[in-house]
Amino acid sequence: LLAVYPFILGAVFFAAAAVFGYFATH
């Protein structure tokens, strides 16, 4: 379960960057 945390952090960082990219270009 603890090994899930780094993946969660990476996924959150990726999702935030993707959302920023979408709204910035749109």
mmCIF file of all heavy atoms, coordinates in Angstrom:
data_MODEL
# 
_entry.id   MODEL 
# 
loop_
_atom_site.group_PDB 
_atom_site.id 
_atom_site.type_symbol 
_atom_site.label_atom_id 
_atom_site.label_alt_id 
_atom_site.label_comp_id 
_atom_site.label_asym_id 
_atom_site.label_entity_id 
_atom_site.label_seq_id 
_atom_site.pdbx_PDB_ins_code 
_atom_site.Cartn_x 
_atom_site.Cartn_y 
_atom_site.Cartn_z 
_atom_site.occupancy 
_atom_site.B_iso_or_equiv 
_atom_site.pdbx_formal_charge 
_atom_site.auth_seq_id 
_atom_site.auth_comp_id 
_atom_site.auth_asym_id 
_atom_site.auth_atom_id 
_atom_site.pdbx_PDB_model_num 
ATOM 1   N N   . LEU A 1 1  ? 0.833   -1.203 0.000   1.00 0.00 ? 1  LEU A N   1 
ATOM 2   C CA  . LEU A 1 1  ? 0.000   0.000  0.000   1.00 0.00 ? 1  LEU A CA  1 
ATOM 3   C C   . LEU A 1 1  ? 0.867   1.253  0.000   1.00 0.00 ? 1  LEU A C   1 
ATOM 4   O O   . LEU A 1 1  ? 0.561   2.242  -0.683  1.00 0.00 ? 1  LEU A O   1 
ATOM 5   C CB  . LEU A 1 1  ? -0.930  -0.001 1.211   1.00 0.00 ? 1  LEU A CB  1 
ATOM 6   C CG  . LEU A 1 1  ? -2.126  -0.942 1.166   1.00 0.00 ? 1  LEU A CG  1 
ATOM 7   C CD1 . LEU A 1 1  ? -2.844  -0.965 2.513   1.00 0.00 ? 1  LEU A CD1 1 
ATOM 8   C CD2 . LEU A 1 1  ? -3.098  -0.517 0.072   1.00 0.00 ? 1  LEU A CD2 1 
ATOM 9   N N   . LEU A 1 2  ? 1.963   1.207  0.763   1.00 0.00 ? 2  LEU A N   1 
ATOM 10  C CA  . LEU A 1 2  ? 2.844   2.369  0.829   1.00 0.00 ? 2  LEU A CA  1 
ATOM 11  C C   . LEU A 1 2  ? 3.498   2.646  -0.515  1.00 0.00 ? 2  LEU A C   1 
ATOM 12  O O   . LEU A 1 2  ? 3.756   3.805  -0.865  1.00 0.00 ? 2  LEU A O   1 
ATOM 13  C CB  . LEU A 1 2  ? 3.917   2.128  1.898   1.00 0.00 ? 2  LEU A CB  1 
ATOM 14  C CG  . LEU A 1 2  ? 4.850   3.301  2.223   1.00 0.00 ? 2  LEU A CG  1 
ATOM 15  C CD1 . LEU A 1 2  ? 4.048   4.492  2.722   1.00 0.00 ? 2  LEU A CD1 1 
ATOM 16  C CD2 . LEU A 1 2  ? 5.885   2.878  3.241   1.00 0.00 ? 2  LEU A CD2 1 
ATOM 17  N N   . ALA A 1 3  ? 3.771   1.582  -1.278  1.00 0.00 ? 3  ALA A N   1 
ATOM 18  C CA  . ALA A 1 3  ? 4.382   1.763  -2.592  1.00 0.00 ? 3  ALA A CA  1 
ATOM 19  C C   . ALA A 1 3  ? 3.467   2.511  -3.555  1.00 0.00 ? 3  ALA A C   1 
ATOM 20  O O   . ALA A 1 3  ? 3.927   3.023  -4.588  1.00 0.00 ? 3  ALA A O   1 
ATOM 21  C CB  . ALA A 1 3  ? 4.748   0.402  -3.184  1.00 0.00 ? 3  ALA A CB  1 
ATOM 22  N N   . VAL A 1 4  ? 2.177   2.593  -3.224  1.00 0.00 ? 4  VAL A N   1 
ATOM 23  C CA  . VAL A 1 4  ? 1.236   3.306  -4.081  1.00 0.00 ? 4  VAL A CA  1 
ATOM 24  C C   . VAL A 1 4  ? 1.463   4.817  -4.025  1.00 0.00 ? 4  VAL A C   1 
ATOM 25  O O   . VAL A 1 4  ? 1.196   5.535  -4.990  1.00 0.00 ? 4  VAL A O   1 
ATOM 26  C CB  . VAL A 1 4  ? -0.213  2.957  -3.660  1.00 0.00 ? 4  VAL A CB  1 
ATOM 27  C CG1 . VAL A 1 4  ? -1.225  3.810  -4.415  1.00 0.00 ? 4  VAL A CG1 1 
ATOM 28  C CG2 . VAL A 1 4  ? -0.485  1.482  -3.908  1.00 0.00 ? 4  VAL A CG2 1 
ATOM 29  N N   . TYR A 1 5  ? 1.995   5.320  -2.891  1.00 0.00 ? 5  TYR A N   1 
ATOM 30  C CA  . TYR A 1 5  ? 2.112   6.764  -2.691  1.00 0.00 ? 5  TYR A CA  1 
ATOM 31  C C   . TYR A 1 5  ? 2.942   7.467  -3.760  1.00 0.00 ? 5  TYR A C   1 
ATOM 32  O O   . TYR A 1 5  ? 2.509   8.501  -4.289  1.00 0.00 ? 5  TYR A O   1 
ATOM 33  C CB  . TYR A 1 5  ? 2.680   7.057  -1.300  1.00 0.00 ? 5  TYR A CB  1 
ATOM 34  C CG  . TYR A 1 5  ? 1.655   6.972  -0.203  1.00 0.00 ? 5  TYR A CG  1 
ATOM 35  C CD1 . TYR A 1 5  ? 1.681   5.943  0.721   1.00 0.00 ? 5  TYR A CD1 1 
ATOM 36  C CD2 . TYR A 1 5  ? 0.654   7.932  -0.088  1.00 0.00 ? 5  TYR A CD2 1 
ATOM 37  C CE1 . TYR A 1 5  ? 0.747   5.865  1.728   1.00 0.00 ? 5  TYR A CE1 1 
ATOM 38  C CE2 . TYR A 1 5  ? -0.288  7.861  0.918   1.00 0.00 ? 5  TYR A CE2 1 
ATOM 39  C CZ  . TYR A 1 5  ? -0.236  6.822  1.830   1.00 0.00 ? 5  TYR A CZ  1 
ATOM 40  O OH  . TYR A 1 5  ? -1.168  6.745  2.823   1.00 0.00 ? 5  TYR A OH  1 
ATOM 41  N N   . PRO A 1 6  ? 4.152   6.973  -4.118  1.00 0.00 ? 6  PRO A N   1 
ATOM 42  C CA  . PRO A 1 6  ? 4.903   7.676  -5.172  1.00 0.00 ? 6  PRO A CA  1 
ATOM 43  C C   . PRO A 1 6  ? 4.150   7.740  -6.493  1.00 0.00 ? 6  PRO A C   1 
ATOM 44  O O   . PRO A 1 6  ? 4.218   8.756  -7.206  1.00 0.00 ? 6  PRO A O   1 
ATOM 45  C CB  . PRO A 1 6  ? 6.194   6.839  -5.296  1.00 0.00 ? 6  PRO A CB  1 
ATOM 46  C CG  . PRO A 1 6  ? 6.331   6.163  -3.977  1.00 0.00 ? 6  PRO A CG  1 
ATOM 47  C CD  . PRO A 1 6  ? 4.934   5.871  -3.533  1.00 0.00 ? 6  PRO A CD  1 
ATOM 48  N N   . PHE A 1 7  ? 3.418   6.678  -6.814  1.00 0.00 ? 7  PHE A N   1 
ATOM 49  C CA  . PHE A 1 7  ? 2.633   6.691  -8.048  1.00 0.00 ? 7  PHE A CA  1 
ATOM 50  C C   . PHE A 1 7  ? 1.496   7.707  -7.965  1.00 0.00 ? 7  PHE A C   1 
ATOM 51  O O   . PHE A 1 7  ? 1.160   8.362  -8.955  1.00 0.00 ? 7  PHE A O   1 
ATOM 52  C CB  . PHE A 1 7  ? 2.079   5.292  -8.334  1.00 0.00 ? 7  PHE A CB  1 
ATOM 53  C CG  . PHE A 1 7  ? 3.129   4.280  -8.686  1.00 0.00 ? 7  PHE A CG  1 
ATOM 54  C CD1 . PHE A 1 7  ? 3.602   3.387  -7.751  1.00 0.00 ? 7  PHE A CD1 1 
ATOM 55  C CD2 . PHE A 1 7  ? 3.665   4.233  -9.969  1.00 0.00 ? 7  PHE A CD2 1 
ATOM 56  C CE1 . PHE A 1 7  ? 4.581   2.451  -8.059  1.00 0.00 ? 7  PHE A CE1 1 
ATOM 57  C CE2 . PHE A 1 7  ? 4.640   3.303  -10.304 1.00 0.00 ? 7  PHE A CE2 1 
ATOM 58  C CZ  . PHE A 1 7  ? 5.102   2.411  -9.348  1.00 0.00 ? 7  PHE A CZ  1 
ATOM 59  N N   . ILE A 1 8  ? 0.903   7.853  -6.776  1.00 0.00 ? 8  ILE A N   1 
ATOM 60  C CA  . ILE A 1 8  ? -0.149  8.849  -6.604  1.00 0.00 ? 8  ILE A CA  1 
ATOM 61  C C   . ILE A 1 8  ? 0.415   10.252 -6.801  1.00 0.00 ? 8  ILE A C   1 
ATOM 62  O O   . ILE A 1 8  ? -0.178  11.092 -7.495  1.00 0.00 ? 8  ILE A O   1 
ATOM 63  C CB  . ILE A 1 8  ? -0.807  8.720  -5.221  1.00 0.00 ? 8  ILE A CB  1 
ATOM 64  C CG1 . ILE A 1 8  ? -1.576  7.396  -5.122  1.00 0.00 ? 8  ILE A CG1 1 
ATOM 65  C CG2 . ILE A 1 8  ? -1.747  9.890  -4.947  1.00 0.00 ? 8  ILE A CG2 1 
ATOM 66  C CD1 . ILE A 1 8  ? -2.188  7.147  -3.755  1.00 0.00 ? 8  ILE A CD1 1 
ATOM 67  N N   . LEU A 1 9  ? 1.591   10.519 -6.198  1.00 0.00 ? 9  LEU A N   1 
ATOM 68  C CA  . LEU A 1 9  ? 2.211   11.831 -6.362  1.00 0.00 ? 9  LEU A CA  1 
ATOM 69  C C   . LEU A 1 9  ? 2.532   12.111 -7.824  1.00 0.00 ? 9  LEU A C   1 
ATOM 70  O O   . LEU A 1 9  ? 2.273   13.209 -8.335  1.00 0.00 ? 9  LEU A O   1 
ATOM 71  C CB  . LEU A 1 9  ? 3.481   11.908 -5.527  1.00 0.00 ? 9  LEU A CB  1 
ATOM 72  C CG  . LEU A 1 9  ? 3.313   11.996 -4.009  1.00 0.00 ? 9  LEU A CG  1 
ATOM 73  C CD1 . LEU A 1 9  ? 4.669   11.998 -3.325  1.00 0.00 ? 9  LEU A CD1 1 
ATOM 74  C CD2 . LEU A 1 9  ? 2.529   13.236 -3.630  1.00 0.00 ? 9  LEU A CD2 1 
ATOM 75  N N   . GLY A 1 10 ? 3.099   11.097 -8.522  1.00 0.00 ? 10 GLY A N   1 
ATOM 76  C CA  . GLY A 1 10 ? 3.402   11.280 -9.930  1.00 0.00 ? 10 GLY A CA  1 
ATOM 77  C C   . GLY A 1 10 ? 2.159   11.492 -10.767 1.00 0.00 ? 10 GLY A C   1 
ATOM 78  O O   . GLY A 1 10 ? 2.141   12.342 -11.666 1.00 0.00 ? 10 GLY A O   1 
ATOM 79  N N   . ALA A 1 11 ? 1.098   10.731 -10.459 1.00 0.00 ? 11 ALA A N   1 
ATOM 80  C CA  . ALA A 1 11 ? -0.151  10.879 -11.207 1.00 0.00 ? 11 ALA A CA  1 
ATOM 81  C C   . ALA A 1 11 ? -0.776  12.252 -10.984 1.00 0.00 ? 11 ALA A C   1 
ATOM 82  O O   . ALA A 1 11 ? -1.308  12.868 -11.913 1.00 0.00 ? 11 ALA A O   1 
ATOM 83  C CB  . ALA A 1 11 ? -1.130  9.776  -10.803 1.00 0.00 ? 11 ALA A CB  1 
ATOM 84  N N   . VAL A 1 12 ? -0.718  12.733 -9.745  1.00 0.00 ? 12 VAL A N   1 
ATOM 85  C CA  . VAL A 1 12 ? -1.277  14.057 -9.450  1.00 0.00 ? 12 VAL A CA  1 
ATOM 86  C C   . VAL A 1 12 ? -0.492  15.136 -10.185 1.00 0.00 ? 12 VAL A C   1 
ATOM 87  O O   . VAL A 1 12 ? -1.078  16.069 -10.758 1.00 0.00 ? 12 VAL A O   1 
ATOM 88  C CB  . VAL A 1 12 ? -1.263  14.308 -7.927  1.00 0.00 ? 12 VAL A CB  1 
ATOM 89  C CG1 . VAL A 1 12 ? -1.573  15.766 -7.614  1.00 0.00 ? 12 VAL A CG1 1 
ATOM 90  C CG2 . VAL A 1 12 ? -2.270  13.402 -7.240  1.00 0.00 ? 12 VAL A CG2 1 
ATOM 91  N N   . PHE A 1 13 ? 0.830   15.042 -10.188 1.00 0.00 ? 13 PHE A N   1 
ATOM 92  C CA  . PHE A 1 13 ? 1.650   16.020 -10.894 1.00 0.00 ? 13 PHE A CA  1 
ATOM 93  C C   . PHE A 1 13 ? 1.362   16.005 -12.393 1.00 0.00 ? 13 PHE A C   1 
ATOM 94  O O   . PHE A 1 13 ? 1.225   17.058 -13.026 1.00 0.00 ? 13 PHE A O   1 
ATOM 95  C CB  . PHE A 1 13 ? 3.123   15.713 -10.627 1.00 0.00 ? 13 PHE A CB  1 
ATOM 96  C CG  . PHE A 1 13 ? 4.071   16.728 -11.199 1.00 0.00 ? 13 PHE A CG  1 
ATOM 97  C CD1 . PHE A 1 13 ? 4.040   18.048 -10.776 1.00 0.00 ? 13 PHE A CD1 1 
ATOM 98  C CD2 . PHE A 1 13 ? 5.003   16.369 -12.168 1.00 0.00 ? 13 PHE A CD2 1 
ATOM 99  C CE1 . PHE A 1 13 ? 4.912   18.979 -11.300 1.00 0.00 ? 13 PHE A CE1 1 
ATOM 100 C CE2 . PHE A 1 13 ? 5.875   17.288 -12.697 1.00 0.00 ? 13 PHE A CE2 1 
ATOM 101 C CZ  . PHE A 1 13 ? 5.836   18.601 -12.263 1.00 0.00 ? 13 PHE A CZ  1 
ATOM 102 N N   . PHE A 1 14 ? 1.248   14.792 -12.949 1.00 0.00 ? 14 PHE A N   1 
ATOM 103 C CA  . PHE A 1 14 ? 0.938   14.676 -14.368 1.00 0.00 ? 14 PHE A CA  1 
ATOM 104 C C   . PHE A 1 14 ? -0.454  15.235 -14.682 1.00 0.00 ? 14 PHE A C   1 
ATOM 105 O O   . PHE A 1 14 ? -0.637  15.973 -15.665 1.00 0.00 ? 14 PHE A O   1 
ATOM 106 C CB  . PHE A 1 14 ? 1.015   13.210 -14.805 1.00 0.00 ? 14 PHE A CB  1 
ATOM 107 C CG  . PHE A 1 14 ? 0.445   12.938 -16.166 1.00 0.00 ? 14 PHE A CG  1 
ATOM 108 C CD1 . PHE A 1 14 ? 1.143   13.277 -17.312 1.00 0.00 ? 14 PHE A CD1 1 
ATOM 109 C CD2 . PHE A 1 14 ? -0.813  12.352 -16.295 1.00 0.00 ? 14 PHE A CD2 1 
ATOM 110 C CE1 . PHE A 1 14 ? 0.611   13.030 -18.572 1.00 0.00 ? 14 PHE A CE1 1 
ATOM 111 C CE2 . PHE A 1 14 ? -1.351  12.112 -17.542 1.00 0.00 ? 14 PHE A CE2 1 
ATOM 112 C CZ  . PHE A 1 14 ? -0.635  12.452 -18.688 1.00 0.00 ? 14 PHE A CZ  1 
ATOM 113 N N   . ALA A 1 15 ? -1.454  14.896 -13.859 1.00 0.00 ? 15 ALA A N   1 
ATOM 114 C CA  . ALA A 1 15 ? -2.817  15.365 -14.107 1.00 0.00 ? 15 ALA A CA  1 
ATOM 115 C C   . ALA A 1 15 ? -2.903  16.885 -13.995 1.00 0.00 ? 15 ALA A C   1 
ATOM 116 O O   . ALA A 1 15 ? -3.580  17.538 -14.800 1.00 0.00 ? 15 ALA A O   1 
ATOM 117 C CB  . ALA A 1 15 ? -3.782  14.705 -13.116 1.00 0.00 ? 15 ALA A CB  1 
ATOM 118 N N   . ALA A 1 16 ? -2.209  17.456 -13.005 1.00 0.00 ? 16 ALA A N   1 
ATOM 119 C CA  . ALA A 1 16 ? -2.231  18.912 -12.867 1.00 0.00 ? 16 ALA A CA  1 
ATOM 120 C C   . ALA A 1 16 ? -1.585  19.584 -14.073 1.00 0.00 ? 16 ALA A C   1 
ATOM 121 O O   . ALA A 1 16 ? -2.090  20.602 -14.579 1.00 0.00 ? 16 ALA A O   1 
ATOM 122 C CB  . ALA A 1 16 ? -1.508  19.311 -11.576 1.00 0.00 ? 16 ALA A CB  1 
ATOM 123 N N   . ALA A 1 17 ? -0.475  19.018 -14.559 1.00 0.00 ? 17 ALA A N   1 
ATOM 124 C CA  . ALA A 1 17 ? 0.178   19.581 -15.742 1.00 0.00 ? 17 ALA A CA  1 
ATOM 125 C C   . ALA A 1 17 ? -0.717  19.445 -16.970 1.00 0.00 ? 17 ALA A C   1 
ATOM 126 O O   . ALA A 1 17 ? -0.800  20.362 -17.802 1.00 0.00 ? 17 ALA A O   1 
ATOM 127 C CB  . ALA A 1 17 ? 1.520   18.886 -15.976 1.00 0.00 ? 17 ALA A CB  1 
ATOM 128 N N   . ALA A 1 18 ? -1.390  18.297 -17.116 1.00 0.00 ? 18 ALA A N   1 
ATOM 129 C CA  . ALA A 1 18 ? -2.283  18.104 -18.265 1.00 0.00 ? 18 ALA A CA  1 
ATOM 130 C C   . ALA A 1 18 ? -3.460  19.064 -18.221 1.00 0.00 ? 18 ALA A C   1 
ATOM 131 O O   . ALA A 1 18 ? -3.850  19.640 -19.246 1.00 0.00 ? 18 ALA A O   1 
ATOM 132 C CB  . ALA A 1 18 ? -2.776  16.656 -18.300 1.00 0.00 ? 18 ALA A CB  1 
ATOM 133 N N   . VAL A 1 19 ? -4.041  19.259 -17.049 1.00 0.00 ? 19 VAL A N   1 
ATOM 134 C CA  . VAL A 1 19 ? -5.157  20.203 -16.913 1.00 0.00 ? 19 VAL A CA  1 
ATOM 135 C C   . VAL A 1 19 ? -4.700  21.618 -17.249 1.00 0.00 ? 19 VAL A C   1 
ATOM 136 O O   . VAL A 1 19 ? -5.398  22.367 -17.937 1.00 0.00 ? 19 VAL A O   1 
ATOM 137 C CB  . VAL A 1 19 ? -5.731  20.134 -15.483 1.00 0.00 ? 19 VAL A CB  1 
ATOM 138 C CG1 . VAL A 1 19 ? -6.675  21.300 -15.221 1.00 0.00 ? 19 VAL A CG1 1 
ATOM 139 C CG2 . VAL A 1 19 ? -6.467  18.819 -15.283 1.00 0.00 ? 19 VAL A CG2 1 
ATOM 140 N N   . PHE A 1 20 ? -3.517  21.974 -16.762 1.00 0.00 ? 20 PHE A N   1 
ATOM 141 C CA  . PHE A 1 20 ? -2.982  23.301 -17.084 1.00 0.00 ? 20 PHE A CA  1 
ATOM 142 C C   . PHE A 1 20 ? -2.784  23.451 -18.590 1.00 0.00 ? 20 PHE A C   1 
ATOM 143 O O   . PHE A 1 20 ? -3.129  24.485 -19.179 1.00 0.00 ? 20 PHE A O   1 
ATOM 144 C CB  . PHE A 1 20 ? -1.656  23.514 -16.347 1.00 0.00 ? 20 PHE A CB  1 
ATOM 145 C CG  . PHE A 1 20 ? -1.007  24.833 -16.657 1.00 0.00 ? 20 PHE A CG  1 
ATOM 146 C CD1 . PHE A 1 20 ? -1.396  25.987 -15.992 1.00 0.00 ? 20 PHE A CD1 1 
ATOM 147 C CD2 . PHE A 1 20 ? -0.015  24.928 -17.632 1.00 0.00 ? 20 PHE A CD2 1 
ATOM 148 C CE1 . PHE A 1 20 ? -0.810  27.207 -16.284 1.00 0.00 ? 20 PHE A CE1 1 
ATOM 149 C CE2 . PHE A 1 20 ? 0.578   26.142 -17.928 1.00 0.00 ? 20 PHE A CE2 1 
ATOM 150 C CZ  . PHE A 1 20 ? 0.180   27.287 -17.246 1.00 0.00 ? 20 PHE A CZ  1 
ATOM 151 N N   . GLY A 1 21 ? -2.213  22.415 -19.223 1.00 0.00 ? 21 GLY A N   1 
ATOM 152 C CA  . GLY A 1 21 ? -2.006  22.478 -20.667 1.00 0.00 ? 21 GLY A CA  1 
ATOM 153 C C   . GLY A 1 21 ? -3.302  22.605 -21.435 1.00 0.00 ? 21 GLY A C   1 
ATOM 154 O O   . GLY A 1 21 ? -3.402  23.368 -22.395 1.00 0.00 ? 21 GLY A O   1 
ATOM 155 N N   . TYR A 1 22 ? -4.333  21.885 -21.004 1.00 0.00 ? 22 TYR A N   1 
ATOM 156 C CA  . TYR A 1 22 ? -5.619  21.944 -21.704 1.00 0.00 ? 22 TYR A CA  1 
ATOM 157 C C   . TYR A 1 22 ? -6.246  23.328 -21.610 1.00 0.00 ? 22 TYR A C   1 
ATOM 158 O O   . TYR A 1 22 ? -6.636  23.933 -22.615 1.00 0.00 ? 22 TYR A O   1 
ATOM 159 C CB  . TYR A 1 22 ? -6.562  20.902 -21.131 1.00 0.00 ? 22 TYR A CB  1 
ATOM 160 C CG  . TYR A 1 22 ? -7.963  20.968 -21.722 1.00 0.00 ? 22 TYR A CG  1 
ATOM 161 C CD1 . TYR A 1 22 ? -8.238  20.386 -22.953 1.00 0.00 ? 22 TYR A CD1 1 
ATOM 162 C CD2 . TYR A 1 22 ? -8.984  21.633 -21.049 1.00 0.00 ? 22 TYR A CD2 1 
ATOM 163 C CE1 . TYR A 1 22 ? -9.510  20.463 -23.507 1.00 0.00 ? 22 TYR A CE1 1 
ATOM 164 C CE2 . TYR A 1 22 ? -10.256 21.714 -21.591 1.00 0.00 ? 22 TYR A CE2 1 
ATOM 165 C CZ  . TYR A 1 22 ? -10.517 21.125 -22.819 1.00 0.00 ? 22 TYR A CZ  1 
ATOM 166 O OH  . TYR A 1 22 ? -11.770 21.209 -23.359 1.00 0.00 ? 22 TYR A OH  1 
ATOM 167 N N   . PHE A 1 23 ? -6.339  23.848 -20.395 1.00 0.00 ? 23 PHE A N   1 
ATOM 168 C CA  . PHE A 1 23 ? -7.003  25.133 -20.216 1.00 0.00 ? 23 PHE A CA  1 
ATOM 169 C C   . PHE A 1 23 ? -6.174  26.276 -20.786 1.00 0.00 ? 23 PHE A C   1 
ATOM 170 O O   . PHE A 1 23 ? -6.728  27.253 -21.285 1.00 0.00 ? 23 PHE A O   1 
ATOM 171 C CB  . PHE A 1 23 ? -7.286  25.381 -18.729 1.00 0.00 ? 23 PHE A CB  1 
ATOM 172 C CG  . PHE A 1 23 ? -8.515  24.678 -18.246 1.00 0.00 ? 23 PHE A CG  1 
ATOM 173 C CD1 . PHE A 1 23 ? -8.423  23.431 -17.643 1.00 0.00 ? 23 PHE A CD1 1 
ATOM 174 C CD2 . PHE A 1 23 ? -9.770  25.242 -18.392 1.00 0.00 ? 23 PHE A CD2 1 
ATOM 175 C CE1 . PHE A 1 23 ? -9.555  22.769 -17.198 1.00 0.00 ? 23 PHE A CE1 1 
ATOM 176 C CE2 . PHE A 1 23 ? -10.906 24.588 -17.954 1.00 0.00 ? 23 PHE A CE2 1 
ATOM 177 C CZ  . PHE A 1 23 ? -10.808 23.343 -17.361 1.00 0.00 ? 23 PHE A CZ  1 
ATOM 178 N N   . ALA A 1 24 ? -4.855  26.160 -20.709 1.00 0.00 ? 24 ALA A N   1 
ATOM 179 C CA  . ALA A 1 24 ? -4.025  27.226 -21.259 1.00 0.00 ? 24 ALA A CA  1 
ATOM 180 C C   . ALA A 1 24 ? -4.190  27.326 -22.771 1.00 0.00 ? 24 ALA A C   1 
ATOM 181 O O   . ALA A 1 24 ? -4.402  28.411 -23.315 1.00 0.00 ? 24 ALA A O   1 
ATOM 182 C CB  . ALA A 1 24 ? -2.556  26.972 -20.909 1.00 0.00 ? 24 ALA A CB  1 
ATOM 183 N N   . THR A 1 25 ? -4.126  26.194 -23.466 1.00 0.00 ? 25 THR A N   1 
ATOM 184 C CA  . THR A 1 25 ? -4.264  26.220 -24.934 1.00 0.00 ? 25 THR A CA  1 
ATOM 185 C C   . THR A 1 25 ? -5.705  26.516 -25.341 1.00 0.00 ? 25 THR A C   1 
ATOM 186 O O   . THR A 1 25 ? -5.958  27.236 -26.299 1.00 0.00 ? 25 THR A O   1 
ATOM 187 C CB  . THR A 1 25 ? -3.830  24.888 -25.537 1.00 0.00 ? 25 THR A CB  1 
ATOM 188 O OG1 . THR A 1 25 ? -4.574  23.821 -24.924 1.00 0.00 ? 25 THR A OG1 1 
ATOM 189 C CG2 . THR A 1 25 ? -2.348  24.648 -25.294 1.00 0.00 ? 25 THR A CG2 1 
ATOM 190 N N   . HIS A 1 26 ? -6.680  25.982 -24.591 1.00 0.00 ? 26 HIS A N   1 
ATOM 191 C CA  . HIS A 1 26 ? -8.080  26.189 -24.955 1.00 0.00 ? 26 HIS A CA  1 
ATOM 192 C C   . HIS A 1 26 ? -8.515  27.630 -24.708 1.00 0.00 ? 26 HIS A C   1 
ATOM 193 O O   . HIS A 1 26 ? -9.320  28.187 -25.461 1.00 0.00 ? 26 HIS A O   1 
ATOM 194 C CB  . HIS A 1 26 ? -8.964  25.242 -24.161 1.00 0.00 ? 26 HIS A CB  1 
ATOM 195 C CG  . HIS A 1 26 ? -10.414 25.314 -24.557 1.00 0.00 ? 26 HIS A CG  1 
ATOM 196 N ND1 . HIS A 1 26 ? -10.891 24.732 -25.708 1.00 0.00 ? 26 HIS A ND1 1 
ATOM 197 C CD2 . HIS A 1 26 ? -11.484 25.917 -23.949 1.00 0.00 ? 26 HIS A CD2 1 
ATOM 198 C CE1 . HIS A 1 26 ? -12.198 24.957 -25.806 1.00 0.00 ? 26 HIS A CE1 1 
ATOM 199 N NE2 . HIS A 1 26 ? -12.577 25.672 -24.755 1.00 0.00 ? 26 HIS A NE2 1 
# 
